[in-house]
Amino acid sequence: MRPADELRETFDAYLGVLEFTSDLGELAEAMRYPLEAGGKRIRPVLCLAVAEAAGGSVEEALPAAAALELVHTFSLVHDDLPALDDDDERRGRPSAHVTFGEGVALLAGDALLAEAVRLALSYETNDVARELVDATLGMIGGQFRDITGDDSDLSSVHRLKTGRLFLASVRMGLDVAGVSESERAPWLAFGDEVGLLFQVVDDLLDGDGYVERLGVEGAGRLAHESAERARAELDLVDADTSVLRELVDVLAVRTG
């Protein structure tokens, strides 16, 4: 199994030479701008690690991993727009709409989503594309509930807004590896827990969400329990899951 850092380097190299549809012309610059802003690449690395652990090829999983990152980036570009979160800065530099204007940023986000679907459709079956689209719709549904204040069930909102892409990272890795549905239960339960863990840790760092509902101690306890459940699900998988455990540990330690 390749360590997480190596998977991240492999993914960044692939993303660096990824070509967009020529019809987009100079819009490609605005699309690459947020992609090149850095980030932990947790979703694509998770997809690659699952694919390799399940017996698949990292190289074959790269288009699926890139599709996930493009969807995630499209959501950030749109979230930063004045109509939504109105954030002028993302990852230490001006947001896409500040750099290129609102209209171009809107189109760049649209194009990132379309390019993600195009990548997902590059596989022989439509399993990867179907999962990507379903997860994207879930993410958008969760965002809608968030901005309209329909967040009384915070867990449900975050399972859509954040968790669906994490679960998709696992599902798409399994799709690439050709894992049968009958063998997926612990993998998918693991994906659910990683999505929850990521969200709770983010809330602990930002002081909102679960922290506002449960307090710092309650949210910290939830993160710890989620990490333990994720590790327990990996115990049920007959594969080398050391890199996936490493990802859980990296997420969990951020609560400190």
C-alpha atoms as a PDB file:
ATOM      1  CA  MET A   1       0.000   0.000   0.000  1.00  0.00           C
ATOM      2  CA  ARG A   2       1.274   3.451  -0.889  1.00  0.00           C
ATOM      3  CA  PRO A   3       1.307   5.895   2.051  1.00  0.00           C
ATOM      4  CA  ALA A   4      -1.131   8.787   2.030  1.00  0.00           C
ATOM      5  CA  ASP A   5       1.540  11.362   1.180  1.00  0.00           C
ATOM      6  CA  GLU A   6       2.572   9.388  -1.899  1.00  0.00           C
ATOM      7  CA  LEU A   7      -1.043   9.033  -2.992  1.00  0.00           C
ATOM      8  CA  ARG A   8      -1.472  12.790  -2.604  1.00  0.00           C
ATOM      9  CA  GLU A   9       1.634  13.455  -4.708  1.00  0.00           C
ATOM     10  CA  THR A  10       0.441  11.028  -7.380  1.00  0.00           C
ATOM     11  CA  PHE A  11      -2.941  12.719  -7.440  1.00  0.00           C
ATOM     12  CA  ASP A  12      -1.507  16.245  -7.649  1.00  0.00           C
ATOM     13  CA  ALA A  13       0.708  15.181 -10.542  1.00  0.00           C
ATOM     14  CA  TYR A  14      -2.320  13.791 -12.380  1.00  0.00           C
ATOM     15  CA  LEU A  15      -4.364  16.916 -11.662  1.00  0.00           C
ATOM     16  CA  GLY A  16      -1.524  19.106 -12.886  1.00  0.00           C
ATOM     17  CA  VAL A  17      -1.653  17.650 -16.399  1.00  0.00           C
ATOM     18  CA  LEU A  18      -5.416  17.126 -16.578  1.00  0.00           C
ATOM     19  CA  GLU A  19      -6.766  18.732 -19.743  1.00  0.00           C
ATOM     20  CA  PHE A  20     -10.172  20.374 -19.871  1.00  0.00           C
ATOM     21  CA  THR A  21     -12.486  20.396 -22.871  1.00  0.00           C
ATOM     22  CA  SER A  22     -11.081  22.749 -25.521  1.00  0.00           C
ATOM     23  CA  ASP A  23     -14.457  24.487 -25.959  1.00  0.00           C
ATOM     24  CA  LEU A  24     -13.943  26.156 -22.574  1.00  0.00           C
ATOM     25  CA  GLY A  25     -11.065  28.240 -23.896  1.00  0.00           C
ATOM     26  CA  GLU A  26      -9.590  30.699 -21.420  1.00  0.00           C
ATOM     27  CA  LEU A  27     -12.191  29.764 -18.789  1.00  0.00           C
ATOM     28  CA  ALA A  28      -9.774  26.933 -17.959  1.00  0.00           C
ATOM     29  CA  GLU A  29      -7.582  29.463 -16.143  1.00  0.00           C
ATOM     30  CA  ALA A  30     -10.387  30.311 -13.735  1.00  0.00           C
ATOM     31  CA  MET A  31     -11.061  26.594 -13.253  1.00  0.00           C
ATOM     32  CA  ARG A  32      -7.454  25.764 -12.415  1.00  0.00           C
ATOM     33  CA  TYR A  33      -7.120  28.695 -10.016  1.00  0.00           C
ATOM     34  CA  PRO A  34      -9.121  27.141  -7.146  1.00  0.00           C
ATOM     35  CA  LEU A  35      -7.805  23.648  -7.917  1.00  0.00           C
ATOM     36  CA  GLU A  36      -4.234  24.858  -7.504  1.00  0.00           C
ATOM     37  CA  ALA A  37      -4.952  26.633  -4.219  1.00  0.00           C
ATOM     38  CA  GLY A  38      -3.883  23.576  -2.267  1.00  0.00           C
ATOM     39  CA  GLY A  39      -6.029  21.710   0.212  1.00  0.00           C
ATOM     40  CA  LYS A  40      -5.576  18.362   1.898  1.00  0.00           C
ATOM     41  CA  ARG A  41      -7.036  16.334  -1.009  1.00  0.00           C
ATOM     42  CA  ILE A  42      -8.708  14.097   1.574  1.00  0.00           C
ATOM     43  CA  ARG A  43     -11.526  12.915  -0.709  1.00  0.00           C
ATOM     44  CA  PRO A  44      -9.349  11.893  -3.671  1.00  0.00           C
ATOM     45  CA  VAL A  45      -6.725  10.301  -1.421  1.00  0.00           C
ATOM     46  CA  LEU A  46      -9.494   8.369   0.330  1.00  0.00           C
ATOM     47  CA  CYS A  47     -10.782   7.152  -3.039  1.00  0.00           C
ATOM     48  CA  LEU A  48      -7.312   6.066  -4.169  1.00  0.00           C
ATOM     49  CA  ALA A  49      -6.551   4.360  -0.853  1.00  0.00           C
ATOM     50  CA  VAL A  50      -9.834   2.442  -0.882  1.00  0.00           C
ATOM     51  CA  ALA A  51      -9.317   1.344  -4.492  1.00  0.00           C
ATOM     52  CA  GLU A  52      -5.815   0.055  -3.756  1.00  0.00           C
ATOM     53  CA  ALA A  53      -6.783  -1.613  -0.463  1.00  0.00           C
ATOM     54  CA  ALA A  54      -9.674  -3.349  -2.216  1.00  0.00           C
ATOM     55  CA  GLY A  55      -7.392  -4.797  -4.874  1.00  0.00           C
ATOM     56  CA  GLY A  56      -7.716  -2.155  -7.582  1.00  0.00           C
ATOM     57  CA  SER A  57      -5.204   0.088  -9.295  1.00  0.00           C
ATOM     58  CA  VAL A  58      -4.347   3.592  -8.112  1.00  0.00           C
ATOM     59  CA  GLU A  59      -3.807   4.663 -11.709  1.00  0.00           C
ATOM     60  CA  GLU A  60      -7.214   3.388 -12.757  1.00  0.00           C
ATOM     61  CA  ALA A  61      -8.822   5.241  -9.851  1.00  0.00           C
ATOM     62  CA  LEU A  62      -7.249   8.615 -10.679  1.00  0.00           C
ATOM     63  CA  PRO A  63     -10.099   9.864 -12.941  1.00  0.00           C
ATOM     64  CA  ALA A  64     -12.636   9.012 -10.214  1.00  0.00           C
ATOM     65  CA  ALA A  65     -10.515  10.756  -7.595  1.00  0.00           C
ATOM     66  CA  ALA A  66     -10.168  13.830  -9.817  1.00  0.00           C
ATOM     67  CA  ALA A  67     -13.920  13.887 -10.409  1.00  0.00           C
ATOM     68  CA  LEU A  68     -14.457  14.038  -6.644  1.00  0.00           C
ATOM     69  CA  GLU A  69     -11.992  16.895  -6.232  1.00  0.00           C
ATOM     70  CA  LEU A  70     -13.551  18.839  -9.105  1.00  0.00           C
ATOM     71  CA  VAL A  71     -17.003  18.513  -7.531  1.00  0.00           C
ATOM     72  CA  HIS A  72     -15.651  19.577  -4.156  1.00  0.00           C
ATOM     73  CA  THR A  73     -13.898  22.571  -5.741  1.00  0.00           C
ATOM     74  CA  PHE A  74     -16.994  23.565  -7.723  1.00  0.00           C
ATOM     75  CA  SER A  75     -18.925  23.653  -4.440  1.00  0.00           C
ATOM     76  CA  LEU A  76     -16.287  25.888  -2.819  1.00  0.00           C
ATOM     77  CA  VAL A  77     -16.244  28.319  -5.753  1.00  0.00           C
ATOM     78  CA  HIS A  78     -20.014  28.679  -5.589  1.00  0.00           C
ATOM     79  CA  ASP A  79     -20.107  28.779  -1.768  1.00  0.00           C
ATOM     80  CA  ASP A  80     -17.742  31.759  -1.780  1.00  0.00           C
ATOM     81  CA  LEU A  81     -20.014  33.823  -4.043  1.00  0.00           C
ATOM     82  CA  PRO A  82     -21.789  36.841  -2.512  1.00  0.00           C
ATOM     83  CA  ALA A  83     -25.165  35.127  -2.971  1.00  0.00           C
ATOM     84  CA  LEU A  84     -24.099  32.342  -0.584  1.00  0.00           C
ATOM     85  CA  ASP A  85     -21.304  32.663   2.012  1.00  0.00           C
ATOM     86  CA  ASP A  86     -19.779  35.839   0.526  1.00  0.00           C
ATOM     87  CA  ASP A  87     -16.187  34.902   1.338  1.00  0.00           C
ATOM     88  CA  ASP A  88     -13.460  36.993  -0.288  1.00  0.00           C
ATOM     89  CA  GLU A  89     -10.647  34.645   0.678  1.00  0.00           C
ATOM     90  CA  ARG A  90     -10.110  30.915   0.257  1.00  0.00           C
ATOM     91  CA  ARG A  91      -7.012  29.059   1.485  1.00  0.00           C
ATOM     92  CA  GLY A  92      -5.028  32.216   2.047  1.00  0.00           C
ATOM     93  CA  ARG A  93      -5.648  33.970  -1.255  1.00  0.00           C
ATOM     94  CA  PRO A  94      -8.513  35.826  -2.987  1.00  0.00           C
ATOM     95  CA  SER A  95     -11.543  33.717  -3.845  1.00  0.00           C
ATOM     96  CA  ALA A  96     -12.265  32.941  -7.491  1.00  0.00           C
ATOM     97  CA  HIS A  97     -15.017  35.550  -7.766  1.00  0.00           C
ATOM     98  CA  VAL A  98     -12.694  38.240  -6.382  1.00  0.00           C
ATOM     99  CA  THR A  99      -9.962  37.332  -8.862  1.00  0.00           C
ATOM    100  CA  PHE A 100     -12.072  36.744 -11.979  1.00  0.00           C
ATOM    101  CA  GLY A 101     -15.445  38.363 -11.246  1.00  0.00           C
ATOM    102  CA  GLU A 102     -18.705  36.767 -10.145  1.00  0.00           C
ATOM    103  CA  GLY A 103     -19.881  35.762 -13.593  1.00  0.00           C
ATOM    104  CA  VAL A 104     -16.664  33.990 -14.533  1.00  0.00           C
ATOM    105  CA  ALA A 105     -16.494  32.274 -11.138  1.00  0.00           C
ATOM    106  CA  LEU A 106     -20.054  31.025 -11.581  1.00  0.00           C
ATOM    107  CA  LEU A 107     -19.216  29.617 -15.005  1.00  0.00           C
ATOM    108  CA  ALA A 108     -15.961  28.105 -13.719  1.00  0.00           C
ATOM    109  CA  GLY A 109     -17.880  26.253 -11.034  1.00  0.00           C
ATOM    110  CA  ASP A 110     -20.402  25.003 -13.586  1.00  0.00           C
ATOM    111  CA  ALA A 111     -17.591  23.815 -15.860  1.00  0.00           C
ATOM    112  CA  LEU A 112     -15.781  22.042 -13.001  1.00  0.00           C
ATOM    113  CA  LEU A 113     -18.948  20.074 -12.296  1.00  0.00           C
ATOM    114  CA  ALA A 114     -19.408  19.153 -15.950  1.00  0.00           C
ATOM    115  CA  GLU A 115     -15.758  18.121 -16.284  1.00  0.00           C
ATOM    116  CA  ALA A 116     -16.149  15.955 -13.178  1.00  0.00           C
ATOM    117  CA  VAL A 117     -19.043  14.091 -14.766  1.00  0.00           C
ATOM    118  CA  ARG A 118     -17.043  13.700 -17.987  1.00  0.00           C
ATOM    119  CA  LEU A 119     -14.206  12.073 -16.020  1.00  0.00           C
ATOM    120  CA  ALA A 120     -16.605   9.776 -14.196  1.00  0.00           C
ATOM    121  CA  LEU A 121     -18.093   8.693 -17.523  1.00  0.00           C
ATOM    122  CA  SER A 122     -14.680   7.586 -18.778  1.00  0.00           C
ATOM    123  CA  TYR A 123     -15.139   4.178 -17.135  1.00  0.00           C
ATOM    124  CA  GLU A 124     -16.620   1.186 -18.929  1.00  0.00           C
ATOM    125  CA  THR A 125     -19.660   1.057 -16.628  1.00  0.00           C
ATOM    126  CA  ASN A 126     -21.701   4.004 -15.389  1.00  0.00           C
ATOM    127  CA  ASP A 127     -21.356   3.019 -11.697  1.00  0.00           C
ATOM    128  CA  VAL A 128     -18.771   5.709 -10.919  1.00  0.00           C
ATOM    129  CA  ALA A 129     -20.723   8.435 -12.727  1.00  0.00           C
ATOM    130  CA  ARG A 130     -23.994   7.431 -11.080  1.00  0.00           C
ATOM    131  CA  GLU A 131     -22.432   7.589  -7.622  1.00  0.00           C
ATOM    132  CA  LEU A 132     -20.803  10.945  -8.333  1.00  0.00           C
ATOM    133  CA  VAL A 133     -24.068  12.487  -9.527  1.00  0.00           C
ATOM    134  CA  ASP A 134     -26.062  11.057  -6.612  1.00  0.00           C
ATOM    135  CA  ALA A 135     -23.514  12.371  -4.118  1.00  0.00           C
ATOM    136  CA  THR A 136     -23.451  15.806  -5.778  1.00  0.00           C
ATOM    137  CA  LEU A 137     -27.227  16.064  -5.606  1.00  0.00           C
ATOM    138  CA  GLY A 138     -27.104  15.064  -1.950  1.00  0.00           C
ATOM    139  CA  MET A 139     -24.437  17.687  -1.260  1.00  0.00           C
ATOM    140  CA  ILE A 140     -26.523  20.381  -2.965  1.00  0.00           C
ATOM    141  CA  GLY A 141     -29.624  19.287  -1.059  1.00  0.00           C
ATOM    142  CA  GLY A 142     -27.721  19.594   2.207  1.00  0.00           C
ATOM    143  CA  GLN A 143     -26.449  23.036   1.233  1.00  0.00           C
ATOM    144  CA  PHE A 144     -30.005  24.131   0.458  1.00  0.00           C
ATOM    145  CA  ARG A 145     -31.193  22.994   3.874  1.00  0.00           C
ATOM    146  CA  ASP A 146     -28.263  24.819   5.456  1.00  0.00           C
ATOM    147  CA  ILE A 147     -28.843  28.204   3.800  1.00  0.00           C
ATOM    148  CA  THR A 148     -32.612  28.058   4.332  1.00  0.00           C
ATOM    149  CA  GLY A 149     -32.235  27.343   8.051  1.00  0.00           C
ATOM    150  CA  ASP A 150     -33.696  23.831   7.865  1.00  0.00           C
ATOM    151  CA  ASP A 151     -31.074  22.488  10.224  1.00  0.00           C
ATOM    152  CA  SER A 152     -32.987  21.233  13.254  1.00  0.00           C
ATOM    153  CA  ASP A 153     -31.639  17.776  12.412  1.00  0.00           C
ATOM    154  CA  LEU A 154     -27.992  18.794  12.102  1.00  0.00           C
ATOM    155  CA  SER A 155     -26.797  15.233  11.582  1.00  0.00           C
ATOM    156  CA  SER A 156     -29.078  14.790   8.571  1.00  0.00           C
ATOM    157  CA  VAL A 157     -27.924  18.073   7.018  1.00  0.00           C
ATOM    158  CA  HIS A 158     -24.248  17.218   7.383  1.00  0.00           C
ATOM    159  CA  ARG A 159     -24.705  13.676   6.077  1.00  0.00           C
ATOM    160  CA  LEU A 160     -25.882  15.315   2.883  1.00  0.00           C
ATOM    161  CA  LYS A 161     -23.743  18.445   2.698  1.00  0.00           C
ATOM    162  CA  THR A 162     -20.440  16.871   3.782  1.00  0.00           C
ATOM    163  CA  GLY A 163     -20.925  13.157   4.256  1.00  0.00           C
ATOM    164  CA  ARG A 164     -22.197  12.261   0.807  1.00  0.00           C
ATOM    165  CA  LEU A 165     -18.918  13.108  -0.937  1.00  0.00           C
ATOM    166  CA  PHE A 166     -16.940  11.153   1.644  1.00  0.00           C
ATOM    167  CA  LEU A 167     -19.177   8.136   1.204  1.00  0.00           C
ATOM    168  CA  ALA A 168     -18.874   8.574  -2.565  1.00  0.00           C
ATOM    169  CA  SER A 169     -15.081   8.545  -2.221  1.00  0.00           C
ATOM    170  CA  VAL A 170     -15.348   5.081  -0.725  1.00  0.00           C
ATOM    171  CA  ARG A 171     -18.033   3.860  -3.116  1.00  0.00           C
ATOM    172  CA  MET A 172     -16.170   5.047  -6.202  1.00  0.00           C
ATOM    173  CA  GLY A 173     -12.957   3.415  -5.007  1.00  0.00           C
ATOM    174  CA  LEU A 174     -14.875   0.166  -4.558  1.00  0.00           C
ATOM    175  CA  ASP A 175     -16.433   0.593  -8.008  1.00  0.00           C
ATOM    176  CA  VAL A 176     -13.004   0.921  -9.589  1.00  0.00           C
ATOM    177  CA  ALA A 177     -11.758  -2.146  -7.704  1.00  0.00           C
ATOM    178  CA  GLY A 178     -14.813  -4.168  -8.720  1.00  0.00           C
ATOM    179  CA  VAL A 179     -15.896  -5.021  -5.160  1.00  0.00           C
ATOM    180  CA  SER A 180     -19.262  -6.787  -5.054  1.00  0.00           C
ATOM    181  CA  GLU A 181     -22.227  -5.280  -3.201  1.00  0.00           C
ATOM    182  CA  SER A 182     -22.251  -8.209  -0.755  1.00  0.00           C
ATOM    183  CA  GLU A 183     -18.771  -7.250   0.475  1.00  0.00           C
ATOM    184  CA  ARG A 184     -19.303  -3.517   0.847  1.00  0.00           C
ATOM    185  CA  ALA A 185     -21.095  -3.120   4.192  1.00  0.00           C
ATOM    186  CA  PRO A 186     -18.068  -2.423   6.438  1.00  0.00           C
ATOM    187  CA  TRP A 187     -16.449  -0.243   3.765  1.00  0.00           C
ATOM    188  CA  LEU A 188     -19.561   1.925   3.489  1.00  0.00           C
ATOM    189  CA  ALA A 189     -20.054   2.125   7.249  1.00  0.00           C
ATOM    190  CA  PHE A 190     -16.443   3.302   7.428  1.00  0.00           C
ATOM    191  CA  GLY A 191     -17.187   5.972   4.799  1.00  0.00           C
ATOM    192  CA  ASP A 192     -20.155   7.238   6.815  1.00  0.00           C
ATOM    193  CA  GLU A 193     -18.023   7.580   9.929  1.00  0.00           C
ATOM    194  CA  VAL A 194     -15.181   9.374   8.140  1.00  0.00           C
ATOM    195  CA  GLY A 195     -17.652  11.916   6.775  1.00  0.00           C
ATOM    196  CA  LEU A 196     -19.044  12.519  10.262  1.00  0.00           C
ATOM    197  CA  LEU A 197     -15.570  12.721  11.779  1.00  0.00           C
ATOM    198  CA  PHE A 198     -14.444  15.296   9.220  1.00  0.00           C
ATOM    199  CA  GLN A 199     -17.487  17.492   9.879  1.00  0.00           C
ATOM    200  CA  VAL A 200     -17.268  17.332  13.666  1.00  0.00           C
ATOM    201  CA  VAL A 201     -13.555  18.156  13.600  1.00  0.00           C
ATOM    202  CA  ASP A 202     -14.236  21.096  11.293  1.00  0.00           C
ATOM    203  CA  ASP A 203     -16.879  22.338  13.729  1.00  0.00           C
ATOM    204  CA  LEU A 204     -14.457  21.990  16.618  1.00  0.00           C
ATOM    205  CA  LEU A 205     -11.889  24.075  14.755  1.00  0.00           C
ATOM    206  CA  ASP A 206     -14.458  26.705  13.742  1.00  0.00           C
ATOM    207  CA  GLY A 207     -16.523  26.697  16.944  1.00  0.00           C
ATOM    208  CA  ASP A 208     -19.875  26.185  15.219  1.00  0.00           C
ATOM    209  CA  GLY A 209     -22.211  23.376  14.132  1.00  0.00           C
ATOM    210  CA  TYR A 210     -21.900  20.477  16.546  1.00  0.00           C
ATOM    211  CA  VAL A 211     -19.980  22.667  19.009  1.00  0.00           C
ATOM    212  CA  GLU A 212     -22.961  25.031  19.242  1.00  0.00           C
ATOM    213  CA  ARG A 213     -25.326  22.087  19.766  1.00  0.00           C
ATOM    214  CA  LEU A 214     -23.206  19.815  21.984  1.00  0.00           C
ATOM    215  CA  GLY A 215     -20.529  22.067  23.453  1.00  0.00           C
ATOM    216  CA  VAL A 216     -16.800  21.569  22.983  1.00  0.00           C
ATOM    217  CA  GLU A 217     -16.630  18.487  25.200  1.00  0.00           C
ATOM    218  CA  GLY A 218     -19.684  16.893  23.605  1.00  0.00           C
ATOM    219  CA  ALA A 219     -18.403  17.504  20.078  1.00  0.00           C
ATOM    220  CA  GLY A 220     -14.963  16.219  21.028  1.00  0.00           C
ATOM    221  CA  ARG A 221     -16.521  13.078  22.444  1.00  0.00           C
ATOM    222  CA  LEU A 222     -18.552  12.597  19.252  1.00  0.00           C
ATOM    223  CA  ALA A 223     -15.391  12.923  17.136  1.00  0.00           C
ATOM    224  CA  HIS A 224     -13.571  10.376  19.299  1.00  0.00           C
ATOM    225  CA  GLU A 225     -16.473   7.917  19.112  1.00  0.00           C
ATOM    226  CA  SER A 226     -16.770   8.350  15.345  1.00  0.00           C
ATOM    227  CA  ALA A 227     -13.050   7.677  14.878  1.00  0.00           C
ATOM    228  CA  GLU A 228     -13.319   4.544  17.008  1.00  0.00           C
ATOM    229  CA  ARG A 229     -16.292   3.293  14.997  1.00  0.00           C
ATOM    230  CA  ALA A 230     -14.411   3.955  11.744  1.00  0.00           C
ATOM    231  CA  ARG A 231     -11.469   1.881  12.983  1.00  0.00           C
ATOM    232  CA  ALA A 232     -13.828  -0.881  14.118  1.00  0.00           C
ATOM    233  CA  GLU A 233     -15.366  -1.094  10.650  1.00  0.00           C
ATOM    234  CA  LEU A 234     -11.899  -1.430   9.122  1.00  0.00           C
ATOM    235  CA  ASP A 235     -11.286  -4.387  11.443  1.00  0.00           C
ATOM    236  CA  LEU A 236     -14.062  -6.182   9.547  1.00  0.00           C
ATOM    237  CA  VAL A 237     -12.376  -5.692   6.165  1.00  0.00           C
ATOM    238  CA  ASP A 238     -10.130  -8.483   4.913  1.00  0.00           C
ATOM    239  CA  ALA A 239      -7.509  -6.197   3.383  1.00  0.00           C
ATOM    240  CA  ASP A 240      -4.541  -4.014   4.235  1.00  0.00           C
ATOM    241  CA  THR A 241      -6.295  -0.886   5.507  1.00  0.00           C
ATOM    242  CA  SER A 242      -3.258   0.745   7.121  1.00  0.00           C
ATOM    243  CA  VAL A 243      -3.459   3.870   4.948  1.00  0.00           C
ATOM    244  CA  LEU A 244      -7.150   4.287   5.723  1.00  0.00           C
ATOM    245  CA  ARG A 245      -6.362   4.031   9.434  1.00  0.00           C
ATOM    246  CA  GLU A 246      -3.700   6.664   8.909  1.00  0.00           C
ATOM    247  CA  LEU A 247      -6.294   8.991   7.375  1.00  0.00           C
ATOM    248  CA  VAL A 248      -8.613   8.472  10.358  1.00  0.00           C
ATOM    249  CA  ASP A 249      -5.758   9.221  12.762  1.00  0.00           C
ATOM    250  CA  VAL A 250      -4.841  12.393  10.870  1.00  0.00           C
ATOM    251  CA  LEU A 251      -8.419  13.641  11.024  1.00  0.00           C
ATOM    252  CA  ALA A 252      -8.907  12.696  14.668  1.00  0.00           C
ATOM    253  CA  VAL A 253      -5.714  14.354  15.907  1.00  0.00           C
ATOM    254  CA  ARG A 254      -6.920  17.710  14.581  1.00  0.00           C
ATOM    255  CA  THR A 255      -9.345  17.868  17.540  1.00  0.00           C
ATOM    256  CA  GLY A 256      -6.396  18.436  19.855  1.00  0.00           C
END
